[in-house]
Protein backbone atom coordinates (compact mmCIF):
# COMPACT_ATOMS: atom_id res chain seq x y z
CA MET A 1 -138.34 76.28 -113.79
CA LYS A 2 -135.69 73.00 -113.84
CA ASN A 3 -133.56 74.01 -110.82
CA ILE A 4 -136.13 74.95 -108.57
CA LEU A 5 -138.01 71.84 -109.17
CA ILE A 6 -135.02 70.00 -107.96
CA VAL A 7 -134.13 72.50 -105.14
CA GLY A 8 -138.35 71.81 -104.28
CA ASP A 9 -137.79 68.06 -104.73
CA ILE A 10 -134.57 68.42 -102.41
CA ILE A 11 -136.31 69.90 -99.72
CA ALA A 12 -139.45 67.82 -99.61
CA VAL A 13 -137.75 64.68 -99.41
CA ALA A 14 -134.99 66.15 -96.34
CA LEU A 15 -138.75 67.74 -94.97
CA ILE A 16 -140.12 64.35 -95.03
CA THR A 17 -136.93 62.33 -93.79
CA VAL A 18 -136.82 64.54 -90.71
CA ILE A 19 -140.62 64.32 -89.71
CA GLY A 20 -140.43 61.03 -90.16
CA PHE A 21 -137.37 60.57 -87.75
CA VAL A 22 -139.33 62.62 -85.19
CA THR A 23 -142.30 61.41 -85.53
CA HIS A 24 -140.76 57.88 -84.49
CA GLY A 25 -138.95 60.02 -81.75
CA GLU A 26 -135.88 59.75 -82.93
CA GLY A 27 -135.15 63.95 -83.80
CA GLY A 28 -131.84 64.43 -82.36
CA LEU A 29 -128.56 65.03 -83.56
CA GLU A 30 -127.14 62.07 -82.32
CA TYR A 31 -129.82 60.13 -85.09
CA LEU A 32 -128.16 62.67 -88.04
CA PRO A 33 -126.18 59.83 -89.29
CA ARG A 34 -128.97 57.51 -89.66
CA MET A 35 -131.23 60.14 -91.29
CA ALA A 36 -128.29 60.41 -93.87
CA ALA A 37 -128.33 57.12 -94.69
CA ALA A 38 -132.09 57.24 -95.57
CA PHE A 39 -131.92 60.88 -97.17
CA PHE A 40 -129.03 60.74 -99.21
CA PRO A 41 -129.55 57.53 -101.01
CA LEU A 42 -133.40 58.57 -101.92
CA VAL A 43 -132.34 61.82 -103.25
CA ILE A 44 -129.58 60.22 -105.63
CA THR A 45 -132.40 57.64 -107.06
CA TRP A 46 -134.71 60.67 -107.10
CA LEU A 47 -132.53 62.06 -109.29
CA ILE A 48 -131.30 59.55 -111.39
CA LEU A 49 -135.19 58.64 -112.11
CA ALA A 50 -137.17 61.63 -112.14
CA PRO A 51 -135.30 62.81 -115.53
CA TRP A 52 -135.94 59.48 -116.79
CA PHE A 53 -139.89 60.06 -116.01
CA ASP A 54 -139.86 63.46 -117.75
CA LEU A 55 -140.70 64.74 -114.45
CA PHE A 56 -138.46 68.51 -114.69
CA SER A 57 -140.43 69.41 -117.96
CA PRO A 58 -143.39 72.18 -117.46
CA GLU A 59 -145.87 70.06 -120.03
CA ILE A 60 -145.42 67.19 -116.94
CA THR A 61 -145.55 69.59 -114.01
CA PHE A 62 -148.39 71.29 -114.88
CA ASN A 63 -150.50 68.39 -115.80
CA VAL A 64 -152.78 66.89 -113.43
CA LYS A 65 -153.09 63.58 -115.87
CA MET A 66 -149.61 62.81 -115.30
CA LEU A 67 -149.64 62.49 -111.18
CA TRP A 68 -148.93 59.03 -111.69
CA ARG A 69 -145.48 59.73 -112.92
CA PRO A 70 -144.22 61.28 -109.99
CA ALA A 71 -146.43 58.44 -107.78
CA LEU A 72 -144.17 55.72 -109.97
CA ALA A 73 -140.71 56.99 -109.71
CA VAL A 74 -141.63 57.48 -105.98
CA MET A 75 -141.92 53.62 -105.79
CA PHE A 76 -139.07 53.00 -107.68
CA ALA A 77 -136.71 55.47 -105.88
């Protein structure tokens, strides 16, 4: 379960990064270094903060009342 959540989070951040760049007209391969400069620090920070907020445990993941935890972690990341 934990591995699925980690991979899903990385895919979500990658999609958001690509969508953000494409919507601003920067979707070509020449922008790949800029995408990486935005993607990797965010993913690393997320992977450091998510366990601290206990976001990879099923008790938190499936509890709607705990949705403030990922939002707070994203603000810090």
